[in-house]
PDB file of all heavy atoms in Angstrom:
ATOM      1  N   SER A   1      21.102   0.709  11.346  1.00  0.00           N
ATOM      2  CA  SER A   1      20.722  -0.326  12.290  1.00  0.00           C
ATOM      3  C   SER A   1      19.356  -0.070  12.906  1.00  0.00           C
ATOM      4  O   SER A   1      18.766  -0.961  13.502  1.00  0.00           O
ATOM      5  CB  SER A   1      21.771  -0.413  13.408  1.00  0.00           C
ATOM      6  OG  SER A   1      21.866   0.841  14.067  1.00  0.00           O
ATOM      7  N   THR A   2      18.819   1.156  12.722  1.00  0.00           N
ATOM      8  CA  THR A   2      17.532   1.477  13.321  1.00  0.00           C
ATOM      9  C   THR A   2      16.382   0.689  12.703  1.00  0.00           C
ATOM     10  O   THR A   2      15.286   0.685  13.240  1.00  0.00           O
ATOM     11  CB  THR A   2      17.231   2.979  13.169  1.00  0.00           C
ATOM     12  OG1 THR A   2      17.364   3.335  11.788  1.00  0.00           O
ATOM     13  CG2 THR A   2      18.178   3.813  14.002  1.00  0.00           C
ATOM     14  N   VAL A   3      16.603   0.030  11.578  1.00  0.00           N
ATOM     15  CA  VAL A   3      15.521  -0.733  10.961  1.00  0.00           C
ATOM     16  C   VAL A   3      15.146  -1.937  11.803  1.00  0.00           C
ATOM     17  O   VAL A   3      14.132  -2.575  11.562  1.00  0.00           O
ATOM     18  CB  VAL A   3      15.892  -1.214   9.546  1.00  0.00           C
ATOM     19  CG1 VAL A   3      16.113  -0.040   8.639  1.00  0.00           C
ATOM     20  CG2 VAL A   3      17.082  -2.149   9.570  1.00  0.00           C
ATOM     21  N   THR A   4      15.937  -2.247  12.810  1.00  0.00           N
ATOM     22  CA  THR A   4      15.623  -3.388  13.661  1.00  0.00           C
ATOM     23  C   THR A   4      14.732  -2.992  14.836  1.00  0.00           C
ATOM     24  O   THR A   4      14.383  -3.835  15.648  1.00  0.00           O
ATOM     25  CB  THR A   4      16.916  -4.006  14.209  1.00  0.00           C
ATOM     26  OG1 THR A   4      17.629  -3.023  14.970  1.00  0.00           O
ATOM     27  CG2 THR A   4      17.809  -4.479  13.069  1.00  0.00           C
ATOM     28  N   GLU A   5      14.380  -1.699  14.929  1.00  0.00           N
ATOM     29  CA  GLU A   5      13.530  -1.271  16.032  1.00  0.00           C
ATOM     30  C   GLU A   5      12.147  -1.898  15.929  1.00  0.00           C
ATOM     31  O   GLU A   5      11.672  -2.216  14.855  1.00  0.00           O
ATOM     32  CB  GLU A   5      13.408   0.254  16.026  1.00  0.00           C
ATOM     33  CG  GLU A   5      14.725   0.965  16.334  1.00  0.00           C
ATOM     34  CD  GLU A   5      14.518   2.470  16.403  1.00  0.00           C
ATOM     35  OE1 GLU A   5      13.472   2.899  16.929  1.00  0.00           O
ATOM     36  OE2 GLU A   5      15.378   3.195  15.916  1.00  0.00           O
ATOM     37  N   ASP A   6      11.471  -2.006  17.062  1.00  0.00           N
ATOM     38  CA  ASP A   6      10.124  -2.579  17.089  1.00  0.00           C
ATOM     39  C   ASP A   6       9.140  -1.668  16.373  1.00  0.00           C
ATOM     40  O   ASP A   6       9.196  -0.445  16.491  1.00  0.00           O
ATOM     41  CB  ASP A   6       9.653  -2.775  18.534  1.00  0.00           C
ATOM     42  CG  ASP A   6      10.479  -3.826  19.243  1.00  0.00           C
ATOM     43  OD1 ASP A   6      11.017  -4.702  18.537  1.00  0.00           O
ATOM     44  OD2 ASP A   6      10.584  -3.754  20.479  1.00  0.00           O
ATOM     45  N   ILE A   7       8.238  -2.276  15.624  1.00  0.00           N
ATOM     46  CA  ILE A   7       7.206  -1.535  14.929  1.00  0.00           C
ATOM     47  C   ILE A   7       5.861  -2.123  15.314  1.00  0.00           C
ATOM     48  O   ILE A   7       5.628  -3.324  15.164  1.00  0.00           O
ATOM     49  CB  ILE A   7       7.389  -1.623  13.404  1.00  0.00           C
ATOM     50  CG1 ILE A   7       8.733  -1.028  13.012  1.00  0.00           C
ATOM     51  CG2 ILE A   7       6.257  -0.904  12.680  1.00  0.00           C
ATOM     52  CD1 ILE A   7       9.061  -1.211  11.544  1.00  0.00           C
ATOM     53  N   LYS A   8       4.973  -1.293  15.810  1.00  0.00           N
ATOM     54  CA  LYS A   8       3.654  -1.768  16.193  1.00  0.00           C
ATOM     55  C   LYS A   8       2.720  -1.775  15.003  1.00  0.00           C
ATOM     56  O   LYS A   8       2.804  -0.920  14.130  1.00  0.00           O
ATOM     57  CB  LYS A   8       3.075  -0.864  17.289  1.00  0.00           C
ATOM     58  CG  LYS A   8       3.840  -0.926  18.603  1.00  0.00           C
ATOM     59  CD  LYS A   8       3.193  -0.027  19.628  1.00  0.00           C
ATOM     60  CE  LYS A   8       3.949  -0.077  20.955  1.00  0.00           C
ATOM     61  NZ  LYS A   8       3.324   0.829  21.954  1.00  0.00           N
ATOM     62  N   VAL A   9       1.795  -2.727  15.004  1.00  0.00           N
ATOM     63  CA  VAL A   9       0.844  -2.820  13.909  1.00  0.00           C
ATOM     64  C   VAL A   9       0.040  -1.543  13.782  1.00  0.00           C
ATOM     65  O   VAL A   9      -0.242  -1.056  12.696  1.00  0.00           O
ATOM     66  CB  VAL A   9      -0.106  -4.018  14.113  1.00  0.00           C
ATOM     67  CG1 VAL A   9      -1.180  -4.037  13.041  1.00  0.00           C
ATOM     68  CG2 VAL A   9       0.680  -5.316  14.110  1.00  0.00           C
ATOM     69  N   GLY A  10      -0.309  -0.946  14.893  1.00  0.00           N
ATOM     70  CA  GLY A  10      -1.112   0.263  14.858  1.00  0.00           C
ATOM     71  C   GLY A  10      -0.402   1.443  14.249  1.00  0.00           C
ATOM     72  O   GLY A  10      -1.040   2.444  13.899  1.00  0.00           O
ATOM     73  N   ASP A  11       0.920   1.378  14.145  1.00  0.00           N
ATOM     74  CA  ASP A  11       1.680   2.483  13.590  1.00  0.00           C
ATOM     75  C   ASP A  11       1.737   2.454  12.077  1.00  0.00           C
ATOM     76  O   ASP A  11       2.260   3.378  11.454  1.00  0.00           O
ATOM     77  CB  ASP A  11       3.120   2.465  14.137  1.00  0.00           C
ATOM     78  CG  ASP A  11       3.165   2.800  15.614  1.00  0.00           C
ATOM     79  OD1 ASP A  11       2.219   3.474  16.078  1.00  0.00           O
ATOM     80  OD2 ASP A  11       4.128   2.400  16.281  1.00  0.00           O
ATOM     81  N   ILE A  12       1.266   1.379  11.435  1.00  0.00           N
ATOM     82  CA  ILE A  12       1.375   1.241   9.988  1.00  0.00           C
ATOM     83  C   ILE A  12       0.225   1.979   9.322  1.00  0.00           C
ATOM     84  O   ILE A  12      -0.940   1.731   9.607  1.00  0.00           O
ATOM     85  CB  ILE A  12       1.344  -0.244   9.574  1.00  0.00           C
ATOM     86  CG1 ILE A  12       2.541  -0.978  10.184  1.00  0.00           C
ATOM     87  CG2 ILE A  12       1.354  -0.376   8.052  1.00  0.00           C
ATOM     88  CD1 ILE A  12       2.547  -2.457   9.904  1.00  0.00           C
ATOM     89  N   ALA A  13       0.589   2.911   8.445  1.00  0.00           N
ATOM     90  CA  ALA A  13      -0.420   3.691   7.734  1.00  0.00           C
ATOM     91  C   ALA A  13      -0.523   3.206   6.305  1.00  0.00           C
ATOM     92  O   ALA A  13       0.486   2.965   5.646  1.00  0.00           O
ATOM     93  CB  ALA A  13      -0.061   5.169   7.755  1.00  0.00           C
ATOM     94  N   SER A  14      -1.751   3.061   5.792  1.00  0.00           N
ATOM     95  CA  SER A  14      -1.948   2.634   4.408  1.00  0.00           C
ATOM     96  C   SER A  14      -1.803   3.820   3.475  1.00  0.00           C
ATOM     97  O   SER A  14      -2.221   4.926   3.802  1.00  0.00           O
ATOM     98  CB  SER A  14      -3.345   2.036   4.241  1.00  0.00           C
ATOM     99  OG  SER A  14      -3.507   0.919   5.074  1.00  0.00           O
ATOM    100  N   PRO A  15      -1.209   3.622   2.279  1.00  0.00           N
ATOM    101  CA  PRO A  15      -1.080   4.717   1.329  1.00  0.00           C
ATOM    102  C   PRO A  15      -2.445   5.143   0.815  1.00  0.00           C
ATOM    103  O   PRO A  15      -3.346   4.324   0.668  1.00  0.00           O
ATOM    104  CB  PRO A  15      -0.223   4.123   0.204  1.00  0.00           C
ATOM    105  CG  PRO A  15      -0.456   2.663   0.294  1.00  0.00           C
ATOM    106  CD  PRO A  15      -0.660   2.371   1.753  1.00  0.00           C
ATOM    107  N   SER A  16      -2.571   6.453   0.537  1.00  0.00           N
ATOM    108  CA  SER A  16      -3.829   6.968   0.028  1.00  0.00           C
ATOM    109  C   SER A  16      -3.979   6.665  -1.450  1.00  0.00           C
ATOM    110  O   SER A  16      -3.027   6.283  -2.124  1.00  0.00           O
ATOM    111  CB  SER A  16      -3.887   8.480   0.234  1.00  0.00           C
ATOM    112  OG  SER A  16      -2.899   9.109  -0.575  1.00  0.00           O
ATOM    113  N   SER A  17      -5.206   6.839  -1.975  1.00  0.00           N
ATOM    114  CA  SER A  17      -5.446   6.608  -3.401  1.00  0.00           C
ATOM    115  C   SER A  17      -4.645   7.561  -4.255  1.00  0.00           C
ATOM    116  O   SER A  17      -4.240   7.227  -5.360  1.00  0.00           O
ATOM    117  CB  SER A  17      -6.940   6.760  -3.693  1.00  0.00           C
ATOM    118  OG  SER A  17      -7.396   8.063  -3.364  1.00  0.00           O
ATOM    119  N   GLU A  18      -4.373   8.786  -3.730  1.00  0.00           N
ATOM    120  CA  GLU A  18      -3.579   9.738  -4.497  1.00  0.00           C
ATOM    121  C   GLU A  18      -2.171   9.218  -4.722  1.00  0.00           C
ATOM    122  O   GLU A  18      -1.592   9.365  -5.800  1.00  0.00           O
ATOM    123  CB  GLU A  18      -3.521  11.094  -3.771  1.00  0.00           C
ATOM    124  CG  GLU A  18      -4.824  11.883  -3.807  1.00  0.00           C
ATOM    125  CD  GLU A  18      -5.795  11.402  -2.722  1.00  0.00           C
ATOM    126  OE1 GLU A  18      -5.429  10.493  -1.955  1.00  0.00           O
ATOM    127  OE2 GLU A  18      -6.914  11.940  -2.679  1.00  0.00           O
ATOM    128  N   GLU A  19      -1.598   8.606  -3.669  1.00  0.00           N
ATOM    129  CA  GLU A  19      -0.232   8.110  -3.803  1.00  0.00           C
ATOM    130  C   GLU A  19      -0.180   6.891  -4.712  1.00  0.00           C
ATOM    131  O   GLU A  19       0.770   6.719  -5.477  1.00  0.00           O
ATOM    132  CB  GLU A  19       0.325   7.783  -2.413  1.00  0.00           C
ATOM    133  CG  GLU A  19       0.761   9.024  -1.649  1.00  0.00           C
ATOM    134  CD  GLU A  19       0.246   9.015  -0.218  1.00  0.00           C
ATOM    135  OE1 GLU A  19      -0.261   7.982   0.225  1.00  0.00           O
ATOM    136  OE2 GLU A  19       0.352  10.048   0.435  1.00  0.00           O
ATOM    137  N   ILE A  20      -1.206   6.031  -4.666  1.00  0.00           N
ATOM    138  CA  ILE A  20      -1.253   4.889  -5.576  1.00  0.00           C
ATOM    139  C   ILE A  20      -1.371   5.366  -7.012  1.00  0.00           C
ATOM    140  O   ILE A  20      -0.701   4.874  -7.916  1.00  0.00           O
ATOM    141  CB  ILE A  20      -2.432   3.960  -5.220  1.00  0.00           C
ATOM    142  CG1 ILE A  20      -2.198   3.325  -3.842  1.00  0.00           C
ATOM    143  CG2 ILE A  20      -2.614   2.881  -6.278  1.00  0.00           C
ATOM    144  CD1 ILE A  20      -3.385   2.530  -3.344  1.00  0.00           C
ATOM    145  N   ASN A  21      -2.226   6.369  -7.233  1.00  0.00           N
ATOM    146  CA  ASN A  21      -2.371   6.928  -8.576  1.00  0.00           C
ATOM    147  C   ASN A  21      -1.083   7.556  -9.062  1.00  0.00           C
ATOM    148  O   ASN A  21      -0.771   7.535 -10.255  1.00  0.00           O
ATOM    149  CB  ASN A  21      -3.495   7.974  -8.594  1.00  0.00           C
ATOM    150  CG  ASN A  21      -4.864   7.345  -8.438  1.00  0.00           C
ATOM    151  OD1 ASN A  21      -5.039   6.171  -8.753  1.00  0.00           O
ATOM    152  ND2 ASN A  21      -5.830   8.114  -7.950  1.00  0.00           N
ATOM    153  N   ALA A  22      -0.334   8.150  -8.126  1.00  0.00           N
ATOM    154  CA  ALA A  22       0.932   8.771  -8.522  1.00  0.00           C
ATOM    155  C   ALA A  22       1.903   7.730  -9.052  1.00  0.00           C
ATOM    156  O   ALA A  22       2.611   7.960 -10.033  1.00  0.00           O
ATOM    157  CB  ALA A  22       1.554   9.506  -7.329  1.00  0.00           C
ATOM    158  N   VAL A  23       1.939   6.561  -8.416  1.00  0.00           N
ATOM    159  CA  VAL A  23       2.804   5.480  -8.892  1.00  0.00           C
ATOM    160  C   VAL A  23       2.375   5.014 -10.273  1.00  0.00           C
ATOM    161  O   VAL A  23       3.186   4.836 -11.177  1.00  0.00           O
ATOM    162  CB  VAL A  23       2.782   4.300  -7.899  1.00  0.00           C
ATOM    163  CG1 VAL A  23       3.577   3.127  -8.459  1.00  0.00           C
ATOM    164  CG2 VAL A  23       3.364   4.726  -6.561  1.00  0.00           C
ATOM    165  N   GLU A  24       1.041   4.821 -10.448  1.00  0.00           N
ATOM    166  CA  GLU A  24       0.540   4.350 -11.736  1.00  0.00           C
ATOM    167  C   GLU A  24       0.792   5.378 -12.828  1.00  0.00           C
ATOM    168  O   GLU A  24       1.150   5.039 -13.958  1.00  0.00           O
ATOM    169  CB  GLU A  24      -0.959   4.054 -11.627  1.00  0.00           C
ATOM    170  CG  GLU A  24      -1.259   2.864 -10.711  1.00  0.00           C
ATOM    171  CD  GLU A  24      -2.741   2.667 -10.515  1.00  0.00           C
ATOM    172  OE1 GLU A  24      -3.509   3.570 -10.880  1.00  0.00           O
ATOM    173  OE2 GLU A  24      -3.118   1.601  -9.979  1.00  0.00           O
ATOM    174  N   LEU A  25       0.624   6.676 -12.495  1.00  0.00           N
ATOM    175  CA  LEU A  25       0.862   7.725 -13.479  1.00  0.00           C
ATOM    176  C   LEU A  25       2.319   7.770 -13.874  1.00  0.00           C
ATOM    177  O   LEU A  25       2.664   7.920 -15.038  1.00  0.00           O
ATOM    178  CB  LEU A  25       0.424   9.080 -12.902  1.00  0.00           C
ATOM    179  CG  LEU A  25       0.644  10.306 -13.806  1.00  0.00           C
ATOM    180  CD1 LEU A  25      -0.164  10.140 -15.090  1.00  0.00           C
ATOM    181  CD2 LEU A  25       0.243  11.581 -13.079  1.00  0.00           C
ATOM    182  N   ASN A  26       3.197   7.583 -12.873  1.00  0.00           N
ATOM    183  CA  ASN A  26       4.620   7.570 -13.167  1.00  0.00           C
ATOM    184  C   ASN A  26       4.977   6.436 -14.111  1.00  0.00           C
ATOM    185  O   ASN A  26       5.760   6.605 -15.046  1.00  0.00           O
ATOM    186  CB  ASN A  26       5.413   7.422 -11.869  1.00  0.00           C
ATOM    187  CG  ASN A  26       6.900   7.292 -12.114  1.00  0.00           C
ATOM    188  OD1 ASN A  26       7.556   8.272 -12.431  1.00  0.00           O
ATOM    189  ND2 ASN A  26       7.430   6.087 -11.962  1.00  0.00           N
ATOM    190  N   ASN A  27       4.380   5.254 -13.878  1.00  0.00           N
ATOM    191  CA  ASN A  27       4.629   4.107 -14.745  1.00  0.00           C
ATOM    192  C   ASN A  27       4.172   4.392 -16.165  1.00  0.00           C
ATOM    193  O   ASN A  27       4.860   4.096 -17.138  1.00  0.00           O
ATOM    194  CB  ASN A  27       3.896   2.880 -14.185  1.00  0.00           C
ATOM    195  CG  ASN A  27       4.254   1.621 -14.931  1.00  0.00           C
ATOM    196  OD1 ASN A  27       5.330   1.542 -15.514  1.00  0.00           O
ATOM    197  ND2 ASN A  27       3.374   0.642 -14.901  1.00  0.00           N
ATOM    198  N   SER A  28       2.971   4.984 -16.296  1.00  0.00           N
ATOM    199  CA  SER A  28       2.431   5.288 -17.617  1.00  0.00           C
ATOM    200  C   SER A  28       3.295   6.279 -18.358  1.00  0.00           C
ATOM    201  O   SER A  28       3.628   6.098 -19.527  1.00  0.00           O
ATOM    202  CB  SER A  28       1.005   5.829 -17.472  1.00  0.00           C
ATOM    203  OG  SER A  28       0.494   6.226 -18.724  1.00  0.00           O
ATOM    204  N   LYS A  29       3.714   7.340 -17.672  1.00  0.00           N
ATOM    205  CA  LYS A  29       4.552   8.351 -18.317  1.00  0.00           C
ATOM    206  C   LYS A  29       5.901   7.776 -18.719  1.00  0.00           C
ATOM    207  O   LYS A  29       6.440   8.069 -19.767  1.00  0.00           O
ATOM    208  CB  LYS A  29       4.747   9.543 -17.367  1.00  0.00           C
ATOM    209  CG  LYS A  29       3.504  10.399 -17.205  1.00  0.00           C
ATOM    210  CD  LYS A  29       3.795  11.579 -16.286  1.00  0.00           C
ATOM    211  CE  LYS A  29       2.576  12.481 -16.175  1.00  0.00           C
ATOM    212  NZ  LYS A  29       2.833  13.623 -15.268  1.00  0.00           N
ATOM    213  N   ASN A  30       6.453   6.937 -17.830  1.00  0.00           N
ATOM    214  CA  ASN A  30       7.756   6.362 -18.120  1.00  0.00           C
ATOM    215  C   ASN A  30       7.697   5.467 -19.345  1.00  0.00           C
ATOM    216  O   ASN A  30       8.559   5.515 -20.211  1.00  0.00           O
ATOM    217  CB  ASN A  30       8.245   5.557 -16.906  1.00  0.00           C
ATOM    218  CG  ASN A  30       9.702   5.184 -17.018  1.00  0.00           C
ATOM    219  OD1 ASN A  30      10.527   6.015 -17.373  1.00  0.00           O
ATOM    220  ND2 ASN A  30      10.025   3.949 -16.696  1.00  0.00           N
TER     221      ASN A  30
END
């Protein structure tokens, strides 16, 4: 039920390029 808690815009962090590359690499390997 905690997913209903308030979330401020300032608290949202964008993923780094390393994490995006990790997703793409995982897709390629798979």
